[in-house]
Structures are given as structure tokens and as C-alpha cells.
Amino acid sequence: MLPKKNRLSRKDIGLLFKKGASLSSPNLSLRFIKNTSLTSSGISFIVPKNVVKLATRRNSLRRLAYNIVEKQKRTPPAYFMGAFIFRKYPDNSHVLENEIKSLLDKIN
């Protein structure tokens, strides 16, 4: 799990949805702001109820995604805030890992 300082607060997520750009893949969408004047940076994962009904499964999917980002040793740069929103339940962790990598590569 990423440290709390590398995750976004609710206030930051609200800012992302107001002013952020977006990218998408089959299972994920990414809302992000890339700006040098940001005071905070971080990454968050959002799993809506319409994707997975049970809270325990939503939390496990979120933990899996945070572990994938941590395994890649990709801490967010000082100028980046992003939120991954799950659109569908991924088939397996390898698919999810490839989609996270490809979305982060598109930004850089």
C-alpha cells in the first residue's frame, strides 16, 4: 500500500473532477492534473459500487491496485495528481497491471 502522503484527499479528488484531463482504457479511467504549481501530489484508486457491490471486494481491488503501483516503484512526481476510476472488474491482476502501466506511460 502506498504511504498516505502519496494518496489524495477528498478535496484533491474534487479538484481533479473539476479541472482535470482524462484518459481511459477498457477497465480504468484516469483523471489527472499535471502542473508545476501544485502544492500536493498523489495517486488514488476509486472503485464505484456499480462495478463491485461488496465493500470487501472493492477494498481488495483498491489494495491490489495500490500494490501494483508500489511494486513498480513509481511514486508520483511532484507535479502530478491522478485518480484511477474502475469502469469494469478486471479479468486478472496482469490485465490491471498492464493498463495502469500504459496509462501512466501516456502521461509521461
PDB file of N, CA and C in Angstrom:
ATOM      1  N   MET A   1       0.843  -1.172   0.000  1.00  0.00           N
ATOM      2  CA  MET A   1       0.000   0.000   0.000  1.00  0.00           C
ATOM      3  C   MET A   1       0.894   1.242   0.000  1.00  0.00           C
ATOM      4  N   LEU A   2       0.519   2.204  -0.788  1.00  0.00           N
ATOM      5  CA  LEU A   2       1.279   3.453  -0.821  1.00  0.00           C
ATOM      6  C   LEU A   2       1.141   4.197   0.498  1.00  0.00           C
ATOM      7  N   PRO A   3       2.155   4.937   0.906  1.00  0.00           N
ATOM      8  CA  PRO A   3       2.019   5.740   2.117  1.00  0.00           C
ATOM      9  C   PRO A   3       0.924   6.797   1.950  1.00  0.00           C
ATOM     10  N   LYS A   4       0.344   7.205   3.039  1.00  0.00           N
ATOM     11  CA  LYS A   4      -0.762   8.141   2.996  1.00  0.00           C
ATOM     12  C   LYS A   4      -0.365   9.468   2.343  1.00  0.00           C
ATOM     13  N   LYS A   5       0.901   9.851   2.471  1.00  0.00           N
ATOM     14  CA  LYS A   5       1.333  11.121   1.868  1.00  0.00           C
ATOM     15  C   LYS A   5       1.312  11.049   0.342  1.00  0.00           C
ATOM     16  N   ASN A   6       1.321   9.845  -0.244  1.00  0.00           N
ATOM     17  CA  ASN A   6       1.267   9.689  -1.700  1.00  0.00           C
ATOM     18  C   ASN A   6      -0.139   9.442  -2.218  1.00  0.00           C
ATOM     19  N   ARG A   7      -1.138   9.467  -1.328  1.00  0.00           N
ATOM     20  CA  ARG A   7      -2.525   9.295  -1.736  1.00  0.00           C
ATOM     21  C   ARG A   7      -3.246  10.636  -1.688  1.00  0.00           C
ATOM     22  N   LEU A   8      -4.332  10.758  -2.420  1.00  0.00           N
ATOM     23  CA  LEU A   8      -5.068  12.015  -2.497  1.00  0.00           C
ATOM     24  C   LEU A   8      -6.147  12.108  -1.433  1.00  0.00           C
ATOM     25  N   SER A   9      -6.450  13.331  -1.036  1.00  0.00           N
ATOM     26  CA  SER A   9      -7.556  13.577  -0.109  1.00  0.00           C
ATOM     27  C   SER A   9      -8.833  13.787  -0.914  1.00  0.00           C
ATOM     28  N   ARG A  10      -9.964  13.839  -0.238  1.00  0.00           N
ATOM     29  CA  ARG A  10     -11.240  14.075  -0.921  1.00  0.00           C
ATOM     30  C   ARG A  10     -11.259  15.444  -1.602  1.00  0.00           C
ATOM     31  N   LYS A  11     -10.638  16.418  -0.971  1.00  0.00           N
ATOM     32  CA  LYS A  11     -10.570  17.767  -1.542  1.00  0.00           C
ATOM     33  C   LYS A  11      -9.805  17.758  -2.870  1.00  0.00           C
ATOM     34  N   ASP A  12      -8.689  17.033  -2.904  1.00  0.00           N
ATOM     35  CA  ASP A  12      -7.897  16.933  -4.126  1.00  0.00           C
ATOM     36  C   ASP A  12      -8.654  16.199  -5.228  1.00  0.00           C
ATOM     37  N   ILE A  13      -9.405  15.172  -4.856  1.00  0.00           N
ATOM     38  CA  ILE A  13     -10.183  14.426  -5.848  1.00  0.00           C
ATOM     39  C   ILE A  13     -11.279  15.307  -6.439  1.00  0.00           C
ATOM     40  N   GLY A  14     -11.894  16.143  -5.610  1.00  0.00           N
ATOM     41  CA  GLY A  14     -12.884  17.101  -6.117  1.00  0.00           C
ATOM     42  C   GLY A  14     -12.271  18.051  -7.128  1.00  0.00           C
ATOM     43  N   LEU A  15     -11.054  18.504  -6.859  1.00  0.00           N
ATOM     44  CA  LEU A  15     -10.338  19.375  -7.789  1.00  0.00           C
ATOM     45  C   LEU A  15     -10.053  18.659  -9.106  1.00  0.00           C
ATOM     46  N   LEU A  16      -9.702  17.376  -9.022  1.00  0.00           N
ATOM     47  CA  LEU A  16      -9.443  16.590 -10.238  1.00  0.00           C
ATOM     48  C   LEU A  16     -10.673  16.520 -11.135  1.00  0.00           C
ATOM     49  N   PHE A  17     -11.834  16.291 -10.536  1.00  0.00           N
ATOM     50  CA  PHE A  17     -13.036  16.157 -11.335  1.00  0.00           C
ATOM     51  C   PHE A  17     -13.488  17.489 -11.918  1.00  0.00           C
ATOM     52  N   LYS A  18     -13.106  18.597 -11.296  1.00  0.00           N
ATOM     53  CA  LYS A  18     -13.461  19.910 -11.830  1.00  0.00           C
ATOM     54  C   LYS A  18     -12.520  20.347 -12.943  1.00  0.00           C
ATOM     55  N   LYS A  19     -11.214  20.169 -12.734  1.00  0.00           N
ATOM     56  CA  LYS A  19     -10.232  20.761 -13.644  1.00  0.00           C
ATOM     57  C   LYS A  19      -9.356  19.764 -14.379  1.00  0.00           C
ATOM     58  N   GLY A  20      -9.473  18.476 -14.082  1.00  0.00           N
ATOM     59  CA  GLY A  20      -8.540  17.501 -14.627  1.00  0.00           C
ATOM     60  C   GLY A  20      -8.867  17.031 -16.032  1.00  0.00           C
ATOM     61  N   ALA A  21      -7.843  16.534 -16.701  1.00  0.00           N
ATOM     62  CA  ALA A  21      -7.992  15.883 -18.001  1.00  0.00           C
ATOM     63  C   ALA A  21      -8.201  14.396 -17.760  1.00  0.00           C
ATOM     64  N   SER A  22      -8.587  13.664 -18.804  1.00  0.00           N
ATOM     65  CA  SER A  22      -8.841  12.242 -18.597  1.00  0.00           C
ATOM     66  C   SER A  22      -8.273  11.399 -19.732  1.00  0.00           C
ATOM     67  N   LEU A  23      -7.928  10.182 -19.369  1.00  0.00           N
ATOM     68  CA  LEU A  23      -7.528   9.121 -20.291  1.00  0.00           C
ATOM     69  C   LEU A  23      -8.322   7.889 -19.907  1.00  0.00           C
ATOM     70  N   SER A  24      -8.496   6.974 -20.845  1.00  0.00           N
ATOM     71  CA  SER A  24      -9.240   5.772 -20.489  1.00  0.00           C
ATOM     72  C   SER A  24      -8.666   4.544 -21.172  1.00  0.00           C
ATOM     73  N   SER A  25      -8.967   3.417 -20.572  1.00  0.00           N
ATOM     74  CA  SER A  25      -8.619   2.103 -21.090  1.00  0.00           C
ATOM     75  C   SER A  25      -9.857   1.230 -20.881  1.00  0.00           C
ATOM     76  N   PRO A  26      -9.841  -0.030 -21.294  1.00  0.00           N
ATOM     77  CA  PRO A  26     -11.053  -0.845 -21.154  1.00  0.00           C
ATOM     78  C   PRO A  26     -11.576  -0.993 -19.716  1.00  0.00           C
ATOM     79  N   ASN A  27     -10.704  -1.102 -18.727  1.00  0.00           N
ATOM     80  CA  ASN A  27     -11.156  -1.316 -17.356  1.00  0.00           C
ATOM     81  C   ASN A  27     -11.006  -0.100 -16.456  1.00  0.00           C
ATOM     82  N   LEU A  28     -10.193   0.886 -16.849  1.00  0.00           N
ATOM     83  CA  LEU A  28      -9.882   2.030 -15.998  1.00  0.00           C
ATOM     84  C   LEU A  28     -10.039   3.343 -16.736  1.00  0.00           C
ATOM     85  N   SER A  29     -10.338   4.387 -15.980  1.00  0.00           N
ATOM     86  CA  SER A  29     -10.227   5.761 -16.455  1.00  0.00           C
ATOM     87  C   SER A  29      -9.253   6.467 -15.538  1.00  0.00           C
ATOM     88  N   LEU A  30      -8.552   7.446 -16.049  1.00  0.00           N
ATOM     89  CA  LEU A  30      -7.608   8.207 -15.247  1.00  0.00           C
ATOM     90  C   LEU A  30      -7.937   9.678 -15.387  1.00  0.00           C
ATOM     91  N   ARG A  31      -8.228  10.320 -14.264  1.00  0.00           N
ATOM     92  CA  ARG A  31      -8.387  11.774 -14.216  1.00  0.00           C
ATOM     93  C   ARG A  31      -7.105  12.307 -13.608  1.00  0.00           C
ATOM     94  N   PHE A  32      -6.517  13.322 -14.226  1.00  0.00           N
ATOM     95  CA  PHE A  32      -5.235  13.807 -13.729  1.00  0.00           C
ATOM     96  C   PHE A  32      -5.064  15.291 -13.991  1.00  0.00           C
ATOM     97  N   ILE A  33      -4.192  15.879 -13.180  1.00  0.00           N
ATOM     98  CA  ILE A  33      -3.731  17.249 -13.364  1.00  0.00           C
ATOM     99  C   ILE A  33      -2.217  17.181 -13.342  1.00  0.00           C
ATOM    100  N   LYS A  34      -1.624  17.789 -14.335  1.00  0.00           N
ATOM    101  CA  LYS A  34      -0.164  17.810 -14.446  1.00  0.00           C
ATOM    102  C   LYS A  34       0.242  19.279 -14.496  1.00  0.00           C
ATOM    103  N   ASN A  35       0.738  19.798 -13.363  1.00  0.00           N
ATOM    104  CA  ASN A  35       1.004  21.218 -13.263  1.00  0.00           C
ATOM    105  C   ASN A  35       2.135  21.436 -12.270  1.00  0.00           C
ATOM    106  N   THR A  36       3.047  22.339 -12.566  1.00  0.00           N
ATOM    107  CA  THR A  36       4.174  22.581 -11.670  1.00  0.00           C
ATOM    108  C   THR A  36       3.796  23.425 -10.464  1.00  0.00           C
ATOM    109  N   SER A  37       2.628  24.045 -10.473  1.00  0.00           N
ATOM    110  CA  SER A  37       2.236  24.900  -9.352  1.00  0.00           C
ATOM    111  C   SER A  37       1.393  24.154  -8.310  1.00  0.00           C
ATOM    112  N   LEU A  38       1.300  22.842  -8.400  1.00  0.00           N
ATOM    113  CA  LEU A  38       0.529  22.076  -7.420  1.00  0.00           C
ATOM    114  C   LEU A  38       1.241  22.042  -6.076  1.00  0.00           C
ATOM    115  N   THR A  39       0.450  22.103  -5.011  1.00  0.00           N
ATOM    116  CA  THR A  39       1.041  22.046  -3.677  1.00  0.00           C
ATOM    117  C   THR A  39       1.157  20.615  -3.182  1.00  0.00           C
ATOM    118  N   SER A  40       0.302  19.721  -3.670  1.00  0.00           N
ATOM    119  CA  SER A  40       0.370  18.327  -3.252  1.00  0.00           C
ATOM    120  C   SER A  40       0.370  17.434  -4.485  1.00  0.00           C
ATOM    121  N   SER A  41       0.795  16.202  -4.300  1.00  0.00           N
ATOM    122  CA  SER A  41       0.781  15.245  -5.399  1.00  0.00           C
ATOM    123  C   SER A  41       0.336  13.910  -4.850  1.00  0.00           C
ATOM    124  N   GLY A  42      -0.125  13.028  -5.742  1.00  0.00           N
ATOM    125  CA  GLY A  42      -0.531  11.718  -5.273  1.00  0.00           C
ATOM    126  C   GLY A  42      -1.351  10.960  -6.287  1.00  0.00           C
ATOM    127  N   ILE A  43      -1.670   9.726  -5.926  1.00  0.00           N
ATOM    128  CA  ILE A  43      -2.467   8.827  -6.757  1.00  0.00           C
ATOM    129  C   ILE A  43      -3.534   8.206  -5.874  1.00  0.00           C
ATOM    130  N   SER A  44      -4.739   8.059  -6.418  1.00  0.00           N
ATOM    131  CA  SER A  44      -5.818   7.368  -5.711  1.00  0.00           C
ATOM    132  C   SER A  44      -6.527   6.422  -6.668  1.00  0.00           C
ATOM    133  N   PHE A  45      -7.195   5.438  -6.090  1.00  0.00           N
ATOM    134  CA  PHE A  45      -7.990   4.488  -6.852  1.00  0.00           C
ATOM    135  C   PHE A  45      -9.417   4.542  -6.332  1.00  0.00           C
ATOM    136  N   ILE A  46     -10.368   4.642  -7.244  1.00  0.00           N
ATOM    137  CA  ILE A  46     -11.782   4.742  -6.891  1.00  0.00           C
ATOM    138  C   ILE A  46     -12.497   3.553  -7.520  1.00  0.00           C
ATOM    139  N   VAL A  47     -13.214   2.806  -6.690  1.00  0.00           N
ATOM    140  CA  VAL A  47     -13.989   1.663  -7.172  1.00  0.00           C
ATOM    141  C   VAL A  47     -15.453   1.935  -6.854  1.00  0.00           C
ATOM    142  N   PRO A  48     -16.263   2.306  -7.853  1.00  0.00           N
ATOM    143  CA  PRO A  48     -17.676   2.594  -7.598  1.00  0.00           C
ATOM    144  C   PRO A  48     -18.479   1.345  -7.252  1.00  0.00           C
ATOM    145  N   LYS A  49     -19.630   1.564  -6.637  1.00  0.00           N
ATOM    146  CA  LYS A  49     -20.495   0.448  -6.257  1.00  0.00           C
ATOM    147  C   LYS A  49     -21.073  -0.271  -7.464  1.00  0.00           C
ATOM    148  N   ASN A  50     -21.227   0.425  -8.595  1.00  0.00           N
ATOM    149  CA  ASN A  50     -21.794  -0.256  -9.758  1.00  0.00           C
ATOM    150  C   ASN A  50     -20.799  -1.214 -10.411  1.00  0.00           C
ATOM    151  N   VAL A  51     -19.511  -1.153 -10.018  1.00  0.00           N
ATOM    152  CA  VAL A  51     -18.519  -2.106 -10.509  1.00  0.00           C
ATOM    153  C   VAL A  51     -18.504  -3.345  -9.632  1.00  0.00           C
ATOM    154  N   VAL A  52     -18.431  -3.146  -8.313  1.00  0.00           N
ATOM    155  CA  VAL A  52     -18.414  -4.249  -7.351  1.00  0.00           C
ATOM    156  C   VAL A  52     -19.328  -3.858  -6.194  1.00  0.00           C
ATOM    157  N   LYS A  53     -20.306  -4.689  -5.896  1.00  0.00           N
ATOM    158  CA  LYS A  53     -21.284  -4.366  -4.854  1.00  0.00           C
ATOM    159  C   LYS A  53     -20.725  -4.475  -3.436  1.00  0.00           C
ATOM    160  N   LEU A  54     -19.950  -5.523  -3.159  1.00  0.00           N
ATOM    161  CA  LEU A  54     -19.476  -5.752  -1.803  1.00  0.00           C
ATOM    162  C   LEU A  54     -18.283  -4.855  -1.464  1.00  0.00           C
ATOM    163  N   ALA A  55     -18.340  -4.238  -0.290  1.00  0.00           N
ATOM    164  CA  ALA A  55     -17.275  -3.330   0.141  1.00  0.00           C
ATOM    165  C   ALA A  55     -15.947  -4.060   0.304  1.00  0.00           C
ATOM    166  N   THR A  56     -15.989  -5.305   0.755  1.00  0.00           N
ATOM    167  CA  THR A  56     -14.740  -6.047   0.940  1.00  0.00           C
ATOM    168  C   THR A  56     -14.032  -6.290  -0.392  1.00  0.00           C
ATOM    169  N   ARG A  57     -14.792  -6.538  -1.436  1.00  0.00           N
ATOM    170  CA  ARG A  57     -14.185  -6.741  -2.759  1.00  0.00           C
ATOM    171  C   ARG A  57     -13.688  -5.423  -3.345  1.00  0.00           C
ATOM    172  N   ARG A  58     -14.427  -4.326  -3.098  1.00  0.00           N
ATOM    173  CA  ARG A  58     -13.956  -3.015  -3.557  1.00  0.00           C
ATOM    174  C   ARG A  58     -12.640  -2.666  -2.880  1.00  0.00           C
ATOM    175  N   ASN A  59     -12.553  -2.916  -1.583  1.00  0.00           N
ATOM    176  CA  ASN A  59     -11.327  -2.611  -0.852  1.00  0.00           C
ATOM    177  C   ASN A  59     -10.167  -3.497  -1.295  1.00  0.00           C
ATOM    178  N   SER A  60     -10.430  -4.763  -1.565  1.00  0.00           N
ATOM    179  CA  SER A  60      -9.347  -5.648  -2.016  1.00  0.00           C
ATOM    180  C   SER A  60      -8.860  -5.253  -3.410  1.00  0.00           C
ATOM    181  N   LEU A  61      -9.765  -4.820  -4.270  1.00  0.00           N
ATOM    182  CA  LEU A  61      -9.377  -4.358  -5.603  1.00  0.00           C
ATOM    183  C   LEU A  61      -8.538  -3.089  -5.493  1.00  0.00           C
ATOM    184  N   ARG A  62      -8.925  -2.198  -4.603  1.00  0.00           N
ATOM    185  CA  ARG A  62      -8.165  -0.972  -4.370  1.00  0.00           C
ATOM    186  C   ARG A  62      -6.772  -1.294  -3.827  1.00  0.00           C
ATOM    187  N   ARG A  63      -6.686  -2.225  -2.874  1.00  0.00           N
ATOM    188  CA  ARG A  63      -5.393  -2.620  -2.322  1.00  0.00           C
ATOM    189  C   ARG A  63      -4.496  -3.249  -3.381  1.00  0.00           C
ATOM    190  N   LEU A  64      -5.096  -4.088  -4.225  1.00  0.00           N
ATOM    191  CA  LEU A  64      -4.345  -4.715  -5.312  1.00  0.00           C
ATOM    192  C   LEU A  64      -3.747  -3.648  -6.235  1.00  0.00           C
ATOM    193  N   ALA A  65      -4.526  -2.647  -6.576  1.00  0.00           N
ATOM    194  CA  ALA A  65      -4.045  -1.590  -7.465  1.00  0.00           C
ATOM    195  C   ALA A  65      -2.934  -0.774  -6.808  1.00  0.00           C
ATOM    196  N   TYR A  66      -3.087  -0.448  -5.523  1.00  0.00           N
ATOM    197  CA  TYR A  66      -2.021   0.280  -4.821  1.00  0.00           C
ATOM    198  C   TYR A  66      -0.741  -0.550  -4.778  1.00  0.00           C
ATOM    199  N   ASN A  67      -0.857  -1.849  -4.585  1.00  0.00           N
ATOM    200  CA  ASN A  67       0.322  -2.714  -4.565  1.00  0.00           C
ATOM    201  C   ASN A  67       1.007  -2.773  -5.920  1.00  0.00           C
ATOM    202  N   ILE A  68       0.231  -2.734  -6.986  1.00  0.00           N
ATOM    203  CA  ILE A  68       0.813  -2.727  -8.335  1.00  0.00           C
ATOM    204  C   ILE A  68       1.639  -1.468  -8.538  1.00  0.00           C
ATOM    205  N   VAL A  69       1.109  -0.329  -8.131  1.00  0.00           N
ATOM    206  CA  VAL A  69       1.847   0.926  -8.282  1.00  0.00           C
ATOM    207  C   VAL A  69       3.100   0.919  -7.409  1.00  0.00           C
ATOM    208  N   GLU A  70       2.974   0.401  -6.195  1.00  0.00           N
ATOM    209  CA  GLU A  70       4.126   0.353  -5.300  1.00  0.00           C
ATOM    210  C   GLU A  70       5.188  -0.610  -5.814  1.00  0.00           C
ATOM    211  N   LYS A  71       4.762  -1.722  -6.401  1.00  0.00           N
ATOM    212  CA  LYS A  71       5.696  -2.714  -6.936  1.00  0.00           C
ATOM    213  C   LYS A  71       6.518  -2.135  -8.084  1.00  0.00           C
ATOM    214  N   GLN A  72       5.925  -1.232  -8.834  1.00  0.00           N
ATOM    215  CA  GLN A  72       6.632  -0.610  -9.946  1.00  0.00           C
ATOM    216  C   GLN A  72       7.586   0.482  -9.480  1.00  0.00           C
ATOM    217  N   LYS A  73       7.539   0.795  -8.191  1.00  0.00           N
ATOM    218  CA  LYS A  73       8.391   1.849  -7.616  1.00  0.00           C
ATOM    219  C   LYS A  73       8.147   3.182  -8.298  1.00  0.00           C
ATOM    220  N   ARG A  74       6.906   3.414  -8.643  1.00  0.00           N
ATOM    221  CA  ARG A  74       6.553   4.674  -9.291  1.00  0.00           C
ATOM    222  C   ARG A  74       5.831   5.565  -8.279  1.00  0.00           C
ATOM    223  N   THR A  75       6.567   6.382  -7.580  1.00  0.00           N
ATOM    224  CA  THR A  75       5.917   7.368  -6.741  1.00  0.00           C
ATOM    225  C   THR A  75       5.535   8.531  -7.636  1.00  0.00           C
ATOM    226  N   PRO A  76       4.444   9.184  -7.343  1.00  0.00           N
ATOM    227  CA  PRO A  76       4.015  10.262  -8.233  1.00  0.00           C
ATOM    228  C   PRO A  76       4.998  11.428  -8.208  1.00  0.00           C
ATOM    229  N   PRO A  77       5.270  12.030  -9.354  1.00  0.00           N
ATOM    230  CA  PRO A  77       6.160  13.188  -9.365  1.00  0.00           C
ATOM    231  C   PRO A  77       5.515  14.353  -8.610  1.00  0.00           C
ATOM    232  N   ALA A  78       6.293  15.353  -8.306  1.00  0.00           N
ATOM    233  CA  ALA A  78       5.813  16.469  -7.509  1.00  0.00           C
ATOM    234  C   ALA A  78       4.756  17.294  -8.247  1.00  0.00           C
ATOM    235  N   TYR A  79       4.611  17.130  -9.524  1.00  0.00           N
ATOM    236  CA  TYR A  79       3.687  17.939 -10.311  1.00  0.00           C
ATOM    237  C   TYR A  79       2.475  17.141 -10.810  1.00  0.00           C
ATOM    238  N   PHE A  80       2.184  16.002 -10.228  1.00  0.00           N
ATOM    239  CA  PHE A  80       1.140  15.124 -10.757  1.00  0.00           C
ATOM    240  C   PHE A  80       0.146  14.720  -9.682  1.00  0.00           C
ATOM    241  N   MET A  81      -1.149  14.879  -9.980  1.00  0.00           N
ATOM    242  CA  MET A  81      -2.230  14.329  -9.157  1.00  0.00           C
ATOM    243  C   MET A  81      -3.108  13.503 -10.086  1.00  0.00           C
ATOM    244  N   GLY A  82      -3.423  12.267  -9.690  1.00  0.00           N
ATOM    245  CA  GLY A  82      -4.233  11.418 -10.536  1.00  0.00           C
ATOM    246  C   GLY A  82      -5.116  10.479  -9.754  1.00  0.00           C
ATOM    247  N   ALA A  83      -6.290  10.200 -10.318  1.00  0.00           N
ATOM    248  CA  ALA A  83      -7.220   9.252  -9.709  1.00  0.00           C
ATOM    249  C   ALA A  83      -7.638   8.245 -10.776  1.00  0.00           C
ATOM    250  N   PHE A  84      -7.406   6.970 -10.489  1.00  0.00           N
ATOM    251  CA  PHE A  84      -7.839   5.889 -11.362  1.00  0.00           C
ATOM    252  C   PHE A  84      -9.240   5.487 -10.939  1.00  0.00           C
ATOM    253  N   ILE A  85     -10.171   5.459 -11.889  1.00  0.00           N
ATOM    254  CA  ILE A  85     -11.544   5.063 -11.610  1.00  0.00           C
ATOM    255  C   ILE A  85     -11.811   3.761 -12.357  1.00  0.00           C
ATOM    256  N   PHE A  86     -12.234   2.751 -11.620  1.00  0.00           N
ATOM    257  CA  PHE A  86     -12.525   1.460 -12.239  1.00  0.00           C
ATOM    258  C   PHE A  86     -13.844   1.551 -12.991  1.00  0.00           C
ATOM    259  N   ARG A  87     -13.850   1.088 -14.250  1.00  0.00           N
ATOM    260  CA  ARG A  87     -15.064   1.068 -15.056  1.00  0.00           C
ATOM    261  C   ARG A  87     -15.683  -0.325 -15.092  1.00  0.00           C
ATOM    262  N   LYS A  88     -14.833  -1.347 -15.107  1.00  0.00           N
ATOM    263  CA  LYS A  88     -15.265  -2.747 -15.083  1.00  0.00           C
ATOM    264  C   LYS A  88     -14.348  -3.509 -14.158  1.00  0.00           C
ATOM    265  N   TYR A  89     -14.821  -4.653 -13.710  1.00  0.00           N
ATOM    266  CA  TYR A  89     -13.980  -5.512 -12.885  1.00  0.00           C
ATOM    267  C   TYR A  89     -12.952  -6.174 -13.797  1.00  0.00           C
ATOM    268  N   PRO A  90     -11.642  -6.028 -13.509  1.00  0.00           N
ATOM    269  CA  PRO A  90     -10.619  -6.607 -14.396  1.00  0.00           C
ATOM    270  C   PRO A  90     -10.611  -8.136 -14.336  1.00  0.00           C
ATOM    271  N   ASP A  91     -10.226  -8.758 -15.451  1.00  0.00           N
ATOM    272  CA  ASP A  91     -10.187 -10.216 -15.538  1.00  0.00           C
ATOM    273  C   ASP A  91      -9.179 -10.810 -14.565  1.00  0.00           C
ATOM    274  N   ASN A  92      -7.975 -10.240 -14.537  1.00  0.00           N
ATOM    275  CA  ASN A  92      -6.951 -10.710 -13.595  1.00  0.00           C
ATOM    276  C   ASN A  92      -5.992  -9.565 -13.295  1.00  0.00           C
ATOM    277  N   SER A  93      -5.052  -9.818 -12.414  1.00  0.00           N
ATOM    278  CA  SER A  93      -4.153  -8.751 -11.974  1.00  0.00           C
ATOM    279  C   SER A  93      -3.168  -8.332 -13.067  1.00  0.00           C
ATOM    280  N   HIS A  94      -2.846  -9.248 -13.986  1.00  0.00           N
ATOM    281  CA  HIS A  94      -1.915  -8.902 -15.063  1.00  0.00           C
ATOM    282  C   HIS A  94      -2.541  -7.891 -16.015  1.00  0.00           C
ATOM    283  N   VAL A  95      -3.803  -8.038 -16.291  1.00  0.00           N
ATOM    284  CA  VAL A  95      -4.509  -7.080 -17.148  1.00  0.00           C
ATOM    285  C   VAL A  95      -4.521  -5.712 -16.476  1.00  0.00           C
ATOM    286  N   LEU A  96      -4.833  -5.709 -15.197  1.00  0.00           N
ATOM    287  CA  LEU A  96      -4.873  -4.465 -14.436  1.00  0.00           C
ATOM    288  C   LEU A  96      -3.495  -3.806 -14.401  1.00  0.00           C
ATOM    289  N   GLU A  97      -2.468  -4.593 -14.183  1.00  0.00           N
ATOM    290  CA  GLU A  97      -1.106  -4.061 -14.141  1.00  0.00           C
ATOM    291  C   GLU A  97      -0.713  -3.432 -15.472  1.00  0.00           C
ATOM    292  N   ASN A  98      -1.033  -4.091 -16.580  1.00  0.00           N
ATOM    293  CA  ASN A  98      -0.703  -3.553 -17.900  1.00  0.00           C
ATOM    294  C   ASN A  98      -1.453  -2.265 -18.190  1.00  0.00           C
ATOM    295  N   GLU A  99      -2.711  -2.180 -17.762  1.00  0.00           N
ATOM    296  CA  GLU A  99      -3.480  -0.970 -18.011  1.00  0.00           C
ATOM    297  C   GLU A  99      -2.964   0.202 -17.180  1.00  0.00           C
ATOM    298  N   ILE A 100      -2.589  -0.038 -15.933  1.00  0.00           N
ATOM    299  CA  ILE A 100      -2.032   1.026 -15.103  1.00  0.00           C
ATOM    300  C   ILE A 100      -0.725   1.525 -15.697  1.00  0.00           C
ATOM    301  N   LYS A 101       0.138   0.598 -16.124  1.00  0.00           N
ATOM    302  CA  LYS A 101       1.411   0.974 -16.745  1.00  0.00           C
ATOM    303  C   LYS A 101       1.187   1.816 -18.012  1.00  0.00           C
ATOM    304  N   SER A 102       0.267   1.360 -18.857  1.00  0.00           N
ATOM    305  CA  SER A 102       0.053   2.074 -20.118  1.00  0.00           C
ATOM    306  C   SER A 102      -0.526   3.465 -19.892  1.00  0.00           C
ATOM    307  N   LEU A 103      -1.433   3.623 -18.928  1.00  0.00           N
ATOM    308  CA  LEU A 103      -1.989   4.944 -18.651  1.00  0.00           C
ATOM    309  C   LEU A 103      -0.931   5.880 -18.077  1.00  0.00           C
ATOM    310  N   LEU A 104      -0.079   5.372 -17.190  1.00  0.00           N
ATOM    311  CA  LEU A 104       0.980   6.211 -16.635  1.00  0.00           C
ATOM    312  C   LEU A 104       2.019   6.554 -17.681  1.00  0.00           C
ATOM    313  N   ASP A 105       2.291   5.646 -18.621  1.00  0.00           N
ATOM    314  CA  ASP A 105       3.240   5.930 -19.689  1.00  0.00           C
ATOM    315  C   ASP A 105       2.707   6.984 -20.655  1.00  0.00           C
ATOM    316  N   LYS A 106       1.403   7.012 -20.878  1.00  0.00           N
ATOM    317  CA  LYS A 106       0.811   8.011 -21.769  1.00  0.00           C
ATOM    318  C   LYS A 106       0.978   9.421 -21.218  1.00  0.00           C
ATOM    319  N   ILE A 107       0.982   9.538 -19.894  1.00  0.00           N
ATOM    320  CA  ILE A 107       1.121  10.854 -19.275  1.00  0.00           C
ATOM    321  C   ILE A 107       2.545  11.364 -19.380  1.00  0.00           C
ATOM    322  N   ASN A 108       3.500  10.493 -19.156  1.00  0.00           N
ATOM    323  CA  ASN A 108       4.915  10.917 -19.199  1.00  0.00           C
ATOM    324  C   ASN A 108       5.361  11.050 -20.603  1.00  0.00           C
TER     325      ASN A 108
END
